[in-house]
Structures are given as structure tokens and as C-alpha cells.
PDB file of N, CA and C in Angstrom:
ATOM      1  N   MET A   1      -5.446  53.946 -27.284  1.00  0.00           N
ATOM      2  CA  MET A   1      -6.481  54.895 -27.576  1.00  0.00           C
ATOM      3  C   MET A   1      -7.304  54.383 -28.753  1.00  0.00           C
ATOM      4  N   LYS A   2      -8.494  53.951 -28.445  1.00  0.00           N
ATOM      5  CA  LYS A   2      -9.344  53.383 -29.474  1.00  0.00           C
ATOM      6  C   LYS A   2     -10.273  54.407 -30.097  1.00  0.00           C
ATOM      7  N   PHE A   3     -10.657  55.418 -29.353  1.00  0.00           N
ATOM      8  CA  PHE A   3     -11.692  56.332 -29.805  1.00  0.00           C
ATOM      9  C   PHE A   3     -11.098  57.673 -30.232  1.00  0.00           C
ATOM     10  N   ALA A   4     -11.680  58.253 -31.280  1.00  0.00           N
ATOM     11  CA  ALA A   4     -11.211  59.542 -31.780  1.00  0.00           C
ATOM     12  C   ALA A   4     -11.424  60.643 -30.746  1.00  0.00           C
ATOM     13  N   GLU A   5     -12.461  60.514 -29.931  1.00  0.00           N
ATOM     14  CA  GLU A   5     -12.749  61.512 -28.904  1.00  0.00           C
ATOM     15  C   GLU A   5     -11.670  61.540 -27.826  1.00  0.00           C
ATOM     16  N   ASP A   6     -10.928  60.439 -27.666  1.00  0.00           N
ATOM     17  CA  ASP A   6      -9.838  60.407 -26.692  1.00  0.00           C
ATOM     18  C   ASP A   6      -8.575  61.061 -27.236  1.00  0.00           C
ATOM     19  N   ILE A   7      -8.453  61.186 -28.540  1.00  0.00           N
ATOM     20  CA  ILE A   7      -7.247  61.736 -29.161  1.00  0.00           C
ATOM     21  C   ILE A   7      -7.354  63.247 -29.308  1.00  0.00           C
ATOM     22  N   ILE A   8      -8.453  63.741 -29.866  1.00  0.00           N
ATOM     23  CA  ILE A   8      -8.654  65.181 -30.055  1.00  0.00           C
ATOM     24  C   ILE A   8      -9.274  65.734 -28.778  1.00  0.00           C
ATOM     25  N   ILE A   9      -8.538  66.599 -28.075  1.00  0.00           N
ATOM     26  CA  ILE A   9      -9.041  67.154 -26.817  1.00  0.00           C
ATOM     27  C   ILE A   9      -9.897  68.390 -27.088  1.00  0.00           C
ATOM     28  N   ARG A  10      -9.366  69.345 -27.857  1.00  0.00           N
ATOM     29  CA  ARG A  10     -10.125  70.562 -28.155  1.00  0.00           C
ATOM     30  C   ARG A  10      -9.456  71.296 -29.302  1.00  0.00           C
ATOM     31  N   PRO A  11     -10.213  72.103 -30.053  1.00  0.00           N
ATOM     32  CA  PRO A  11      -9.584  72.978 -31.050  1.00  0.00           C
ATOM     33  C   PRO A  11      -8.971  74.187 -30.355  1.00  0.00           C
ATOM     34  N   ILE A  12      -7.915  74.702 -30.915  1.00  0.00           N
ATOM     35  CA  ILE A  12      -7.263  75.888 -30.375  1.00  0.00           C
ATOM     36  C   ILE A  12      -7.658  77.069 -31.248  1.00  0.00           C
ATOM     37  N   MET A  13      -8.345  78.033 -30.660  1.00  0.00           N
ATOM     38  CA  MET A  13      -8.860  79.186 -31.402  1.00  0.00           C
ATOM     39  C   MET A  13      -8.136  80.447 -30.940  1.00  0.00           C
ATOM     40  N   THR A  14      -7.007  80.733 -31.557  1.00  0.00           N
ATOM     41  CA  THR A  14      -6.280  81.972 -31.311  1.00  0.00           C
ATOM     42  C   THR A  14      -6.324  82.804 -32.592  1.00  0.00           C
ATOM     43  N   GLU A  15      -5.841  84.030 -32.523  1.00  0.00           N
ATOM     44  CA  GLU A  15      -5.835  84.866 -33.723  1.00  0.00           C
ATOM     45  C   GLU A  15      -5.021  84.215 -34.827  1.00  0.00           C
ATOM     46  N   LYS A  16      -3.863  83.704 -34.474  1.00  0.00           N
ATOM     47  CA  LYS A  16      -2.992  83.089 -35.473  1.00  0.00           C
ATOM     48  C   LYS A  16      -3.632  81.845 -36.087  1.00  0.00           C
ATOM     49  N   SER A  17      -4.262  81.016 -35.267  1.00  0.00           N
ATOM     50  CA  SER A  17      -4.863  79.791 -35.801  1.00  0.00           C
ATOM     51  C   SER A  17      -6.082  80.094 -36.676  1.00  0.00           C
ATOM     52  N   VAL A  18      -6.839  81.137 -36.350  1.00  0.00           N
ATOM     53  CA  VAL A  18      -7.992  81.509 -37.169  1.00  0.00           C
ATOM     54  C   VAL A  18      -7.528  82.035 -38.528  1.00  0.00           C
ATOM     55  N   VAL A  19      -6.443  82.795 -38.560  1.00  0.00           N
ATOM     56  CA  VAL A  19      -5.894  83.278 -39.831  1.00  0.00           C
ATOM     57  C   VAL A  19      -5.403  82.092 -40.662  1.00  0.00           C
ATOM     58  N   MET A  20      -4.765  81.115 -40.024  1.00  0.00           N
ATOM     59  CA  MET A  20      -4.306  79.923 -40.746  1.00  0.00           C
ATOM     60  C   MET A  20      -5.492  79.129 -41.289  1.00  0.00           C
ATOM     61  N   GLN A  21      -6.592  79.074 -40.555  1.00  0.00           N
ATOM     62  CA  GLN A  21      -7.787  78.376 -41.035  1.00  0.00           C
ATOM     63  C   GLN A  21      -8.336  79.055 -42.289  1.00  0.00           C
ATOM     64  N   ASP A  22      -8.409  80.370 -42.261  1.00  0.00           N
ATOM     65  CA  ASP A  22      -8.999  81.105 -43.371  1.00  0.00           C
ATOM     66  C   ASP A  22      -8.123  81.092 -44.620  1.00  0.00           C
ATOM     67  N   ASN A  23      -6.819  81.255 -44.447  1.00  0.00           N
ATOM     68  CA  ASN A  23      -5.930  81.423 -45.594  1.00  0.00           C
ATOM     69  C   ASN A  23      -5.296  80.126 -46.100  1.00  0.00           C
ATOM     70  N   GLN A  24      -4.984  79.195 -45.192  1.00  0.00           N
ATOM     71  CA  GLN A  24      -4.175  78.041 -45.578  1.00  0.00           C
ATOM     72  C   GLN A  24      -4.852  76.697 -45.328  1.00  0.00           C
ATOM     73  N   ARG A  25      -6.090  76.661 -44.847  1.00  0.00           N
ATOM     74  CA  ARG A  25      -6.805  75.425 -44.508  1.00  0.00           C
ATOM     75  C   ARG A  25      -6.043  74.595 -43.474  1.00  0.00           C
ATOM     76  N   LYS A  26      -5.412  75.262 -42.487  1.00  0.00           N
ATOM     77  CA  LYS A  26      -4.699  74.582 -41.408  1.00  0.00           C
ATOM     78  C   LYS A  26      -5.484  74.780 -40.116  1.00  0.00           C
ATOM     79  N   PHE A  27      -5.770  73.678 -39.442  1.00  0.00           N
ATOM     80  CA  PHE A  27      -6.556  73.707 -38.213  1.00  0.00           C
ATOM     81  C   PHE A  27      -5.699  73.210 -37.060  1.00  0.00           C
ATOM     82  N   THR A  28      -5.833  73.852 -35.910  1.00  0.00           N
ATOM     83  CA  THR A  28      -4.992  73.576 -34.756  1.00  0.00           C
ATOM     84  C   THR A  28      -5.813  72.911 -33.664  1.00  0.00           C
ATOM     85  N   PHE A  29      -5.277  71.826 -33.095  1.00  0.00           N
ATOM     86  CA  PHE A  29      -5.957  71.083 -32.043  1.00  0.00           C
ATOM     87  C   PHE A  29      -4.996  70.772 -30.905  1.00  0.00           C
ATOM     88  N   GLU A  30      -5.531  70.728 -29.689  1.00  0.00           N
ATOM     89  CA  GLU A  30      -4.797  70.133 -28.578  1.00  0.00           C
ATOM     90  C   GLU A  30      -5.129  68.652 -28.612  1.00  0.00           C
ATOM     91  N   VAL A  31      -4.104  67.814 -28.582  1.00  0.00           N
ATOM     92  CA  VAL A  31      -4.295  66.373 -28.710  1.00  0.00           C
ATOM     93  C   VAL A  31      -3.668  65.645 -27.530  1.00  0.00           C
ATOM     94  N   ASN A  32      -4.018  64.386 -27.402  1.00  0.00           N
ATOM     95  CA  ASN A  32      -3.459  63.544 -26.361  1.00  0.00           C
ATOM     96  C   ASN A  32      -1.952  63.415 -26.579  1.00  0.00           C
ATOM     97  N   PRO A  33      -1.133  63.637 -25.540  1.00  0.00           N
ATOM     98  CA  PRO A  33       0.321  63.576 -25.718  1.00  0.00           C
ATOM     99  C   PRO A  33       0.840  62.220 -26.176  1.00  0.00           C
ATOM    100  N   ALA A  34       0.099  61.173 -25.976  1.00  0.00           N
ATOM    101  CA  ALA A  34       0.555  59.844 -26.385  1.00  0.00           C
ATOM    102  C   ALA A  34       0.175  59.509 -27.828  1.00  0.00           C
ATOM    103  N   ALA A  35      -0.612  60.370 -28.478  1.00  0.00           N
ATOM    104  CA  ALA A  35      -1.083  60.092 -29.836  1.00  0.00           C
ATOM    105  C   ALA A  35       0.009  60.395 -30.859  1.00  0.00           C
ATOM    106  N   ASN A  36       0.078  59.564 -31.897  1.00  0.00           N
ATOM    107  CA  ASN A  36       1.020  59.825 -32.979  1.00  0.00           C
ATOM    108  C   ASN A  36       0.282  60.441 -34.160  1.00  0.00           C
ATOM    109  N   LYS A  37       1.023  60.767 -35.233  1.00  0.00           N
ATOM    110  CA  LYS A  37       0.424  61.479 -36.370  1.00  0.00           C
ATOM    111  C   LYS A  37      -0.639  60.645 -37.081  1.00  0.00           C
ATOM    112  N   ILE A  38      -0.438  59.357 -37.171  1.00  0.00           N
ATOM    113  CA  ILE A  38      -1.408  58.489 -37.845  1.00  0.00           C
ATOM    114  C   ILE A  38      -2.722  58.468 -37.070  1.00  0.00           C
ATOM    115  N   GLN A  39      -2.643  58.352 -35.745  1.00  0.00           N
ATOM    116  CA  GLN A  39      -3.851  58.358 -34.924  1.00  0.00           C
ATOM    117  C   GLN A  39      -4.559  59.703 -34.989  1.00  0.00           C
ATOM    118  N   ILE A  40      -3.800  60.802 -35.021  1.00  0.00           N
ATOM    119  CA  ILE A  40      -4.390  62.131 -35.106  1.00  0.00           C
ATOM    120  C   ILE A  40      -5.107  62.296 -36.445  1.00  0.00           C
ATOM    121  N   ARG A  41      -4.473  61.863 -37.536  1.00  0.00           N
ATOM    122  CA  ARG A  41      -5.087  61.955 -38.863  1.00  0.00           C
ATOM    123  C   ARG A  41      -6.397  61.172 -38.913  1.00  0.00           C
ATOM    124  N   ASP A  42      -6.373  59.930 -38.413  1.00  0.00           N
ATOM    125  CA  ASP A  42      -7.580  59.111 -38.432  1.00  0.00           C
ATOM    126  C   ASP A  42      -8.698  59.733 -37.585  1.00  0.00           C
ATOM    127  N   ALA A  43      -8.340  60.311 -36.438  1.00  0.00           N
ATOM    128  CA  ALA A  43      -9.339  60.916 -35.559  1.00  0.00           C
ATOM    129  C   ALA A  43      -9.980  62.143 -36.204  1.00  0.00           C
ATOM    130  N   VAL A  44      -9.175  63.000 -36.824  1.00  0.00           N
ATOM    131  CA  VAL A  44      -9.716  64.202 -37.469  1.00  0.00           C
ATOM    132  C   VAL A  44     -10.607  63.810 -38.644  1.00  0.00           C
ATOM    133  N   GLU A  45     -10.158  62.852 -39.444  1.00  0.00           N
ATOM    134  CA  GLU A  45     -10.961  62.435 -40.597  1.00  0.00           C
ATOM    135  C   GLU A  45     -12.277  61.797 -40.165  1.00  0.00           C
ATOM    136  N   LYS A  46     -12.269  61.069 -39.065  1.00  0.00           N
ATOM    137  CA  LYS A  46     -13.485  60.426 -38.580  1.00  0.00           C
ATOM    138  C   LYS A  46     -14.444  61.435 -37.935  1.00  0.00           C
ATOM    139  N   LEU A  47     -13.919  62.316 -37.089  1.00  0.00           N
ATOM    140  CA  LEU A  47     -14.781  63.251 -36.361  1.00  0.00           C
ATOM    141  C   LEU A  47     -15.399  64.317 -37.262  1.00  0.00           C
ATOM    142  N   PHE A  48     -14.637  64.829 -38.222  1.00  0.00           N
ATOM    143  CA  PHE A  48     -15.099  65.969 -39.005  1.00  0.00           C
ATOM    144  C   PHE A  48     -15.424  65.614 -40.447  1.00  0.00           C
ATOM    145  N   ASN A  49     -15.244  64.361 -40.845  1.00  0.00           N
ATOM    146  CA  ASN A  49     -15.572  63.884 -42.189  1.00  0.00           C
ATOM    147  C   ASN A  49     -14.855  64.710 -43.266  1.00  0.00           C
ATOM    148  N   VAL A  50     -13.529  64.833 -43.115  1.00  0.00           N
ATOM    149  CA  VAL A  50     -12.687  65.559 -44.062  1.00  0.00           C
ATOM    150  C   VAL A  50     -11.484  64.691 -44.424  1.00  0.00           C
ATOM    151  N   LYS A  51     -10.699  65.122 -45.399  1.00  0.00           N
ATOM    152  CA  LYS A  51      -9.458  64.451 -45.787  1.00  0.00           C
ATOM    153  C   LYS A  51      -8.285  65.376 -45.474  1.00  0.00           C
ATOM    154  N   THR A  52      -7.190  64.809 -44.971  1.00  0.00           N
ATOM    155  CA  THR A  52      -6.027  65.593 -44.581  1.00  0.00           C
ATOM    156  C   THR A  52      -4.863  65.336 -45.529  1.00  0.00           C
ATOM    157  N   THR A  53      -3.956  66.313 -45.601  1.00  0.00           N
ATOM    158  CA  THR A  53      -2.750  66.141 -46.399  1.00  0.00           C
ATOM    159  C   THR A  53      -1.496  66.131 -45.544  1.00  0.00           C
ATOM    160  N   ASP A  54      -1.502  66.846 -44.413  1.00  0.00           N
ATOM    161  CA  ASP A  54      -0.286  66.976 -43.614  1.00  0.00           C
ATOM    162  C   ASP A  54      -0.650  67.166 -42.147  1.00  0.00           C
ATOM    163  N   ILE A  55       0.184  66.600 -41.267  1.00  0.00           N
ATOM    164  CA  ILE A  55       0.028  66.752 -39.819  1.00  0.00           C
ATOM    165  C   ILE A  55       1.374  67.195 -39.257  1.00  0.00           C
ATOM    166  N   LYS A  56       1.381  68.255 -38.482  1.00  0.00           N
ATOM    167  CA  LYS A  56       2.582  68.677 -37.776  1.00  0.00           C
ATOM    168  C   LYS A  56       2.253  68.685 -36.285  1.00  0.00           C
ATOM    169  N   THR A  57       3.152  68.142 -35.468  1.00  0.00           N
ATOM    170  CA  THR A  57       2.904  68.073 -34.030  1.00  0.00           C
ATOM    171  C   THR A  57       4.017  68.782 -33.274  1.00  0.00           C
ATOM    172  N   MET A  58       3.642  69.337 -32.117  1.00  0.00           N
ATOM    173  CA  MET A  58       4.585  70.009 -31.245  1.00  0.00           C
ATOM    174  C   MET A  58       4.281  69.642 -29.806  1.00  0.00           C
ATOM    175  N   ASN A  59       5.312  69.329 -29.036  1.00  0.00           N
ATOM    176  CA  ASN A  59       5.156  69.052 -27.618  1.00  0.00           C
ATOM    177  C   ASN A  59       5.565  70.289 -26.827  1.00  0.00           C
ATOM    178  N   TYR A  60       4.717  70.680 -25.869  1.00  0.00           N
ATOM    179  CA  TYR A  60       4.987  71.835 -25.041  1.00  0.00           C
ATOM    180  C   TYR A  60       5.203  71.388 -23.597  1.00  0.00           C
ATOM    181  N   LEU A  61       6.299  71.844 -23.005  1.00  0.00           N
ATOM    182  CA  LEU A  61       6.591  71.553 -21.609  1.00  0.00           C
ATOM    183  C   LEU A  61       5.784  72.510 -20.739  1.00  0.00           C
ATOM    184  N   GLY A  62       5.185  71.980 -19.677  1.00  0.00           N
ATOM    185  CA  GLY A  62       4.391  72.815 -18.787  1.00  0.00           C
ATOM    186  C   GLY A  62       5.242  73.860 -18.084  1.00  0.00           C
ATOM    187  N   LYS A  63       4.692  75.045 -17.909  1.00  0.00           N
ATOM    188  CA  LYS A  63       5.420  76.133 -17.274  1.00  0.00           C
ATOM    189  C   LYS A  63       5.603  75.853 -15.780  1.00  0.00           C
ATOM    190  N   SER A  64       6.731  76.288 -15.240  1.00  0.00           N
ATOM    191  CA  SER A  64       6.919  76.167 -13.804  1.00  0.00           C
ATOM    192  C   SER A  64       6.224  77.341 -13.126  1.00  0.00           C
ATOM    193  N   VAL A  65       5.519  77.044 -12.055  1.00  0.00           N
ATOM    194  CA  VAL A  65       4.753  78.063 -11.342  1.00  0.00           C
ATOM    195  C   VAL A  65       5.060  77.973  -9.863  1.00  0.00           C
ATOM    196  N   GLU A  66       4.791  79.056  -9.167  1.00  0.00           N
ATOM    197  CA  GLU A  66       4.967  79.083  -7.725  1.00  0.00           C
ATOM    198  C   GLU A  66       3.636  79.480  -7.115  1.00  0.00           C
ATOM    199  N   ARG A  67       3.130  78.658  -6.213  1.00  0.00           N
ATOM    200  CA  ARG A  67       1.824  78.911  -5.604  1.00  0.00           C
ATOM    201  C   ARG A  67       1.991  79.091  -4.101  1.00  0.00           C
ATOM    202  N   ARG A  68       1.036  79.815  -3.549  1.00  0.00           N
ATOM    203  CA  ARG A  68       1.043  79.996  -2.104  1.00  0.00           C
ATOM    204  C   ARG A  68       0.010  79.089  -1.482  1.00  0.00           C
ATOM    205  N   ILE A  69       0.421  78.389  -0.463  1.00  0.00           N
ATOM    206  CA  ILE A  69      -0.487  77.597   0.356  1.00  0.00           C
ATOM    207  C   ILE A  69      -0.281  78.084   1.783  1.00  0.00           C
ATOM    208  N   GLY A  70      -1.203  78.926   2.230  1.00  0.00           N
ATOM    209  CA  GLY A  70      -1.037  79.547   3.538  1.00  0.00           C
ATOM    210  C   GLY A  70       0.110  80.542   3.496  1.00  0.00           C
ATOM    211  N   ARG A  71       1.087  80.352   4.368  1.00  0.00           N
ATOM    212  CA  ARG A  71       2.237  81.256   4.406  1.00  0.00           C
ATOM    213  C   ARG A  71       3.408  80.760   3.576  1.00  0.00           C
ATOM    214  N   THR A  72       3.334  79.540   3.139  1.00  0.00           N
ATOM    215  CA  THR A  72       4.467  78.968   2.411  1.00  0.00           C
ATOM    216  C   THR A  72       4.250  79.042   0.901  1.00  0.00           C
ATOM    217  N   ARG A  73       5.330  79.080   0.172  1.00  0.00           N
ATOM    218  CA  ARG A  73       5.293  79.059  -1.284  1.00  0.00           C
ATOM    219  C   ARG A  73       5.728  77.673  -1.751  1.00  0.00           C
ATOM    220  N   VAL A  74       4.982  77.133  -2.690  1.00  0.00           N
ATOM    221  CA  VAL A  74       5.257  75.798  -3.200  1.00  0.00           C
ATOM    222  C   VAL A  74       5.534  75.900  -4.698  1.00  0.00           C
ATOM    223  N   ALA A  75       6.642  75.320  -5.117  1.00  0.00           N
ATOM    224  CA  ALA A  75       6.971  75.315  -6.541  1.00  0.00           C
ATOM    225  C   ALA A  75       6.265  74.132  -7.196  1.00  0.00           C
ATOM    226  N   GLY A  76       5.736  74.361  -8.398  1.00  0.00           N
ATOM    227  CA  GLY A  76       5.037  73.300  -9.105  1.00  0.00           C
ATOM    228  C   GLY A  76       5.185  73.483 -10.599  1.00  0.00           C
ATOM    229  N   ARG A  77       4.378  72.749 -11.327  1.00  0.00           N
ATOM    230  CA  ARG A  77       4.442  72.793 -12.778  1.00  0.00           C
ATOM    231  C   ARG A  77       3.047  72.599 -13.343  1.00  0.00           C
ATOM    232  N   LYS A  78       2.730  73.357 -14.415  1.00  0.00           N
ATOM    233  CA  LYS A  78       1.490  73.112 -15.136  1.00  0.00           C
ATOM    234  C   LYS A  78       1.685  71.884 -16.007  1.00  0.00           C
ATOM    235  N   LYS A  79       0.597  71.318 -16.505  1.00  0.00           N
ATOM    236  CA  LYS A  79       0.720  70.086 -17.269  1.00  0.00           C
ATOM    237  C   LYS A  79       1.333  70.344 -18.640  1.00  0.00           C
ATOM    238  N   SER A  80       2.087  69.384 -19.125  1.00  0.00           N
ATOM    239  CA  SER A  80       2.626  69.438 -20.479  1.00  0.00           C
ATOM    240  C   SER A  80       1.524  69.039 -21.451  1.00  0.00           C
ATOM    241  N   TRP A  81       1.613  69.507 -22.704  1.00  0.00           N
ATOM    242  CA  TRP A  81       0.552  69.220 -23.661  1.00  0.00           C
ATOM    243  C   TRP A  81       1.123  69.122 -25.064  1.00  0.00           C
ATOM    244  N   LYS A  82       0.317  68.634 -25.985  1.00  0.00           N
ATOM    245  CA  LYS A  82       0.733  68.428 -27.364  1.00  0.00           C
ATOM    246  C   LYS A  82      -0.239  69.136 -28.292  1.00  0.00           C
ATOM    247  N   LYS A  83       0.319  69.802 -29.318  1.00  0.00           N
ATOM    248  CA  LYS A  83      -0.485  70.533 -30.292  1.00  0.00           C
ATOM    249  C   LYS A  83      -0.267  69.909 -31.662  1.00  0.00           C
ATOM    250  N   ALA A  84      -1.345  69.820 -32.437  1.00  0.00           N
ATOM    251  CA  ALA A  84      -1.263  69.311 -33.801  1.00  0.00           C
ATOM    252  C   ALA A  84      -1.850  70.346 -34.753  1.00  0.00           C
ATOM    253  N   ILE A  85      -1.129  70.608 -35.851  1.00  0.00           N
ATOM    254  CA  ILE A  85      -1.629  71.468 -36.913  1.00  0.00           C
ATOM    255  C   ILE A  85      -1.938  70.564 -38.095  1.00  0.00           C
ATOM    256  N   VAL A  86      -3.215  70.535 -38.474  1.00  0.00           N
ATOM    257  CA  VAL A  86      -3.713  69.626 -39.510  1.00  0.00           C
ATOM    258  C   VAL A  86      -4.027  70.434 -40.760  1.00  0.00           C
ATOM    259  N   THR A  87      -3.445  70.047 -41.895  1.00  0.00           N
ATOM    260  CA  THR A  87      -3.732  70.685 -43.174  1.00  0.00           C
ATOM    261  C   THR A  87      -4.736  69.828 -43.928  1.00  0.00           C
ATOM    262  N   LEU A  88      -5.822  70.452 -44.397  1.00  0.00           N
ATOM    263  CA  LEU A  88      -6.870  69.732 -45.107  1.00  0.00           C
ATOM    264  C   LEU A  88      -6.661  69.796 -46.613  1.00  0.00           C
ATOM    265  N   LYS A  89      -7.209  68.801 -47.307  1.00  0.00           N
ATOM    266  CA  LYS A  89      -7.155  68.790 -48.767  1.00  0.00           C
ATOM    267  C   LYS A  89      -8.023  69.898 -49.331  1.00  0.00           C
ATOM    268  N   GLU A  90      -7.747  70.253 -50.578  1.00  0.00           N
ATOM    269  CA  GLU A  90      -8.523  71.283 -51.282  1.00  0.00           C
ATOM    270  C   GLU A  90      -9.991  70.869 -51.336  1.00  0.00           C
ATOM    271  N   GLY A  91     -10.890  71.786 -51.011  1.00  0.00           N
ATOM    272  CA  GLY A  91     -12.319  71.504 -51.061  1.00  0.00           C
ATOM    273  C   GLY A  91     -12.907  71.020 -49.745  1.00  0.00           C
ATOM    274  N   HIS A  92     -12.076  70.690 -48.761  1.00  0.00           N
ATOM    275  CA  HIS A  92     -12.562  70.248 -47.455  1.00  0.00           C
ATOM    276  C   HIS A  92     -12.421  71.392 -46.465  1.00  0.00           C
ATOM    277  N   ASP A  93     -13.364  71.457 -45.506  1.00  0.00           N
ATOM    278  CA  ASP A  93     -13.349  72.533 -44.528  1.00  0.00           C
ATOM    279  C   ASP A  93     -14.033  72.066 -43.254  1.00  0.00           C
ATOM    280  N   ILE A  94     -13.620  72.639 -42.127  1.00  0.00           N
ATOM    281  CA  ILE A  94     -14.255  72.392 -40.833  1.00  0.00           C
ATOM    282  C   ILE A  94     -14.837  73.728 -40.372  1.00  0.00           C
ATOM    283  N   ASP A  95     -16.125  73.737 -40.045  1.00  0.00           N
ATOM    284  CA  ASP A  95     -16.769  74.941 -39.539  1.00  0.00           C
ATOM    285  C   ASP A  95     -17.220  74.656 -38.111  1.00  0.00           C
ATOM    286  N   PHE A  96     -16.460  75.130 -37.145  1.00  0.00           N
ATOM    287  CA  PHE A  96     -16.732  74.841 -35.739  1.00  0.00           C
ATOM    288  C   PHE A  96     -18.016  75.483 -35.248  1.00  0.00           C
ATOM    289  N   PHE A  97     -18.389  76.634 -35.799  1.00  0.00           N
ATOM    290  CA  PHE A  97     -19.509  77.383 -35.258  1.00  0.00           C
ATOM    291  C   PHE A  97     -20.848  77.006 -35.881  1.00  0.00           C
ATOM    292  N   ASN A  98     -20.898  76.718 -37.177  1.00  0.00           N
ATOM    293  CA  ASN A  98     -22.164  76.362 -37.809  1.00  0.00           C
ATOM    294  C   ASN A  98     -22.499  74.880 -37.664  1.00  0.00           C
ATOM    295  N   ASP A  99     -21.488  74.014 -37.477  1.00  0.00           N
ATOM    296  CA  ASP A  99     -21.742  72.591 -37.328  1.00  0.00           C
ATOM    297  C   ASP A  99     -22.151  72.220 -35.910  1.00  0.00           C
ATOM    298  N   ALA A 100     -21.961  73.131 -34.958  1.00  0.00           N
ATOM    299  CA  ALA A 100     -22.295  72.838 -33.567  1.00  0.00           C
ATOM    300  C   ALA A 100     -23.806  72.764 -33.390  1.00  0.00           C
ATOM    301  N   VAL A 101     -24.229  71.868 -32.516  1.00  0.00           N
ATOM    302  CA  VAL A 101     -25.654  71.691 -32.261  1.00  0.00           C
ATOM    303  C   VAL A 101     -26.048  72.442 -31.020  1.00  0.00           C
TER     304      VAL A 101
END
């Protein structure tokens, strides 16, 4: 993975993550499952022009689902994914809504 755009897939905007952004300067992203903490740190610093202090990652196993195809039921699985919680240094901030073009 050479490009930062390949590592950071999307920000996760839930109630809990928004509270963490406001109170603790922690931002949550869905990242490429093959990315490590060093690659995630470099990608966030490059894309958003900020400095980080800590990265925490979590791997989530995809949920098992059952789908209907015609009359038969087929068991399957949703995709597995990886989440990263990035803590920024004091004085740095990411504003997803005002920085958007």
C-alpha cells in the first residue's frame, strides 16, 4: 500500500465517535485490514496535515447472515473490517464538515 487513500477507507461517524472527537481529540476511521499502525499514522498525518500521539486498532469479524435466493436459503458472511482510533496532539484538529469542498 503506497498511497494514503488506499489505507484510510472512511471516517466512522457515530454518536460515540463524535463525543470522543469533541472531548478527547480521538478520531475513528475504517482502514484497510492489511494496514499496520505505522502506515495508518503516516496516512492520517499526510491526508489531514495533523500530528498523532496514539493509534489503537481493532479487527472485526464479519457477521454471519442468511439470504434467500428464490426458495432456498443460503448462509453467508459480511466482510470483515478493521477500525482505527487515532488520538491527535494538543492543538491539532480534523474538521470533516468545514474542510470538505
